[in-house]
């Protein structure tokens, strides 16, 4: 017995494509969240970009590298901020 082929509306496909483009989430993450195969979503995304004239310009290699660097820096700064908040709370309690 074979599983029935699932059908998705064009609105659903477009919504997933817009989510990938606007949030810059990985295709795999969005596909998993909505129960769709990553390759299927990748195909939908290619068709969406062709139909909409590539509304979002792809980043160059140097821009991607810079973006990754900035994301890593933001992550480190947030971790440092969280640590400093905990340390200040600790020392505030200790002085009482």
C-alpha atoms as a PDB file:
ATOM      1  CA  UNK A   1       0.000   0.000   0.000  1.00  0.00           C
ATOM      2  CA  UNK A   2       1.439   3.374  -0.988  1.00  0.00           C
ATOM      3  CA  UNK A   3       0.867   6.657   0.740  1.00  0.00           C
ATOM      4  CA  UNK A   4      -1.334   9.167  -1.037  1.00  0.00           C
ATOM      5  CA  UNK A   5       0.513  12.104  -2.546  1.00  0.00           C
ATOM      6  CA  UNK A   6      -0.044  15.287  -0.576  1.00  0.00           C
ATOM      7  CA  UNK A   7      -1.109  18.442  -2.390  1.00  0.00           C
ATOM      8  CA  UNK A   8      -0.373  21.955  -1.227  1.00  0.00           C
ATOM      9  CA  UNK A   9      -2.027  25.183  -2.285  1.00  0.00           C
ATOM     10  CA  UNK A  10      -0.032  27.804  -4.122  1.00  0.00           C
ATOM     11  CA  UNK A  11      -0.675  30.228  -1.244  1.00  0.00           C
ATOM     12  CA  UNK A  12       0.917  27.768   1.197  1.00  0.00           C
ATOM     13  CA  UNK A  13       3.948  27.335  -1.072  1.00  0.00           C
ATOM     14  CA  UNK A  14       4.335  31.094  -1.512  1.00  0.00           C
ATOM     15  CA  UNK A  15       4.044  31.698   2.237  1.00  0.00           C
ATOM     16  CA  UNK A  16       6.841  29.222   2.979  1.00  0.00           C
ATOM     17  CA  UNK A  17       9.008  30.788   0.279  1.00  0.00           C
ATOM     18  CA  UNK A  18       8.431  34.276   1.706  1.00  0.00           C
ATOM     19  CA  UNK A  19       9.339  33.001   5.171  1.00  0.00           C
ATOM     20  CA  UNK A  20      12.635  31.587   3.917  1.00  0.00           C
ATOM     21  CA  UNK A  21      13.455  34.803   2.062  1.00  0.00           C
ATOM     22  CA  UNK A  22      12.418  37.368   4.680  1.00  0.00           C
ATOM     23  CA  UNK A  23      13.710  35.616   7.798  1.00  0.00           C
ATOM     24  CA  UNK A  24      16.844  34.121   6.209  1.00  0.00           C
ATOM     25  CA  UNK A  25      16.071  30.871   7.998  1.00  0.00           C
ATOM     26  CA  UNK A  26      17.627  27.763   6.497  1.00  0.00           C
ATOM     27  CA  UNK A  27      15.375  25.900   4.082  1.00  0.00           C
ATOM     28  CA  UNK A  28      15.713  22.746   6.174  1.00  0.00           C
ATOM     29  CA  UNK A  29      14.420  24.471   9.326  1.00  0.00           C
ATOM     30  CA  UNK A  30      11.348  25.925   7.615  1.00  0.00           C
ATOM     31  CA  UNK A  31      10.627  22.659   5.807  1.00  0.00           C
ATOM     32  CA  UNK A  32      10.841  20.658   9.034  1.00  0.00           C
ATOM     33  CA  UNK A  33       8.608  23.120  10.878  1.00  0.00           C
ATOM     34  CA  UNK A  34       5.850  22.715   8.280  1.00  0.00           C
ATOM     35  CA  UNK A  35       6.289  19.004   7.570  1.00  0.00           C
ATOM     36  CA  UNK A  36       7.575  19.432   4.024  1.00  0.00           C
ATOM     37  CA  UNK A  37      10.694  17.906   2.499  1.00  0.00           C
ATOM     38  CA  UNK A  38      13.664  20.265   2.192  1.00  0.00           C
ATOM     39  CA  UNK A  39      14.168  19.456  -1.478  1.00  0.00           C
ATOM     40  CA  UNK A  40      10.506  20.097  -2.167  1.00  0.00           C
ATOM     41  CA  UNK A  41      10.728  23.502  -0.519  1.00  0.00           C
ATOM     42  CA  UNK A  42      13.943  24.244  -2.412  1.00  0.00           C
ATOM     43  CA  UNK A  43      12.132  23.510  -5.699  1.00  0.00           C
ATOM     44  CA  UNK A  44       9.218  25.743  -4.678  1.00  0.00           C
ATOM     45  CA  UNK A  45      11.671  28.491  -3.761  1.00  0.00           C
ATOM     46  CA  UNK A  46      13.412  28.308  -7.153  1.00  0.00           C
ATOM     47  CA  UNK A  47      10.055  28.559  -8.933  1.00  0.00           C
ATOM     48  CA  UNK A  48       8.959  31.403  -6.640  1.00  0.00           C
ATOM     49  CA  UNK A  49      12.107  33.384  -7.387  1.00  0.00           C
ATOM     50  CA  UNK A  50      11.700  32.819 -11.132  1.00  0.00           C
ATOM     51  CA  UNK A  51       8.051  33.907 -11.032  1.00  0.00           C
ATOM     52  CA  UNK A  52       8.738  37.014  -8.959  1.00  0.00           C
ATOM     53  CA  UNK A  53      11.827  38.129 -10.821  1.00  0.00           C
ATOM     54  CA  UNK A  54      14.167  37.345  -7.944  1.00  0.00           C
ATOM     55  CA  UNK A  55      12.770  40.066  -5.704  1.00  0.00           C
ATOM     56  CA  UNK A  56      15.473  39.377  -3.147  1.00  0.00           C
ATOM     57  CA  UNK A  57      19.023  39.860  -4.356  1.00  0.00           C
ATOM     58  CA  UNK A  58      21.310  37.030  -3.355  1.00  0.00           C
ATOM     59  CA  UNK A  59      24.207  37.968  -1.135  1.00  0.00           C
ATOM     60  CA  UNK A  60      27.703  37.825  -2.509  1.00  0.00           C
ATOM     61  CA  UNK A  61      30.277  35.539  -0.926  1.00  0.00           C
ATOM     62  CA  UNK A  62      31.912  38.440   0.905  1.00  0.00           C
ATOM     63  CA  UNK A  63      28.527  39.689   2.158  1.00  0.00           C
ATOM     64  CA  UNK A  64      27.649  36.216   3.440  1.00  0.00           C
ATOM     65  CA  UNK A  65      31.000  35.981   5.224  1.00  0.00           C
ATOM     66  CA  UNK A  66      30.494  39.406   6.797  1.00  0.00           C
ATOM     67  CA  UNK A  67      26.959  38.489   7.844  1.00  0.00           C
ATOM     68  CA  UNK A  68      28.178  35.277   9.500  1.00  0.00           C
ATOM     69  CA  UNK A  69      30.896  37.235  11.291  1.00  0.00           C
ATOM     70  CA  UNK A  70      28.400  39.793  12.582  1.00  0.00           C
ATOM     71  CA  UNK A  71      25.953  37.087  13.683  1.00  0.00           C
ATOM     72  CA  UNK A  72      28.751  35.363  15.620  1.00  0.00           C
ATOM     73  CA  UNK A  73      29.727  38.661  17.223  1.00  0.00           C
ATOM     74  CA  UNK A  74      26.123  39.363  18.256  1.00  0.00           C
ATOM     75  CA  UNK A  75      25.908  35.886  19.794  1.00  0.00           C
ATOM     76  CA  UNK A  76      29.126  36.453  21.777  1.00  0.00           C
ATOM     77  CA  UNK A  77      28.012  39.888  22.980  1.00  0.00           C
ATOM     78  CA  UNK A  78      24.658  38.535  24.135  1.00  0.00           C
ATOM     79  CA  UNK A  79      26.430  35.768  26.052  1.00  0.00           C
ATOM     80  CA  UNK A  80      28.747  38.320  27.685  1.00  0.00           C
ATOM     81  CA  UNK A  81      25.795  40.531  28.608  1.00  0.00           C
ATOM     82  CA  UNK A  82      23.957  37.602  30.189  1.00  0.00           C
ATOM     83  CA  UNK A  83      27.077  36.684  32.172  1.00  0.00           C
ATOM     84  CA  UNK A  84      27.578  40.236  33.398  1.00  0.00           C
ATOM     85  CA  UNK A  85      23.944  40.484  34.490  1.00  0.00           C
ATOM     86  CA  UNK A  86      24.308  37.286  36.516  1.00  0.00           C
ATOM     87  CA  UNK A  87      27.595  38.468  38.020  1.00  0.00           C
ATOM     88  CA  UNK A  88      26.171  41.830  39.024  1.00  0.00           C
ATOM     89  CA  UNK A  89      23.163  40.141  40.618  1.00  0.00           C
ATOM     90  CA  UNK A  90      25.484  37.806  42.523  1.00  0.00           C
ATOM     91  CA  UNK A  91      27.655  40.622  43.864  1.00  0.00           C
ATOM     92  CA  UNK A  92      24.602  42.730  44.716  1.00  0.00           C
ATOM     93  CA  UNK A  93      23.292  39.857  46.881  1.00  0.00           C
ATOM     94  CA  UNK A  94      26.699  39.364  48.459  1.00  0.00           C
ATOM     95  CA  UNK A  95      26.920  42.974  49.661  1.00  0.00           C
ATOM     96  CA  UNK A  96      23.702  42.744  51.636  1.00  0.00           C
END
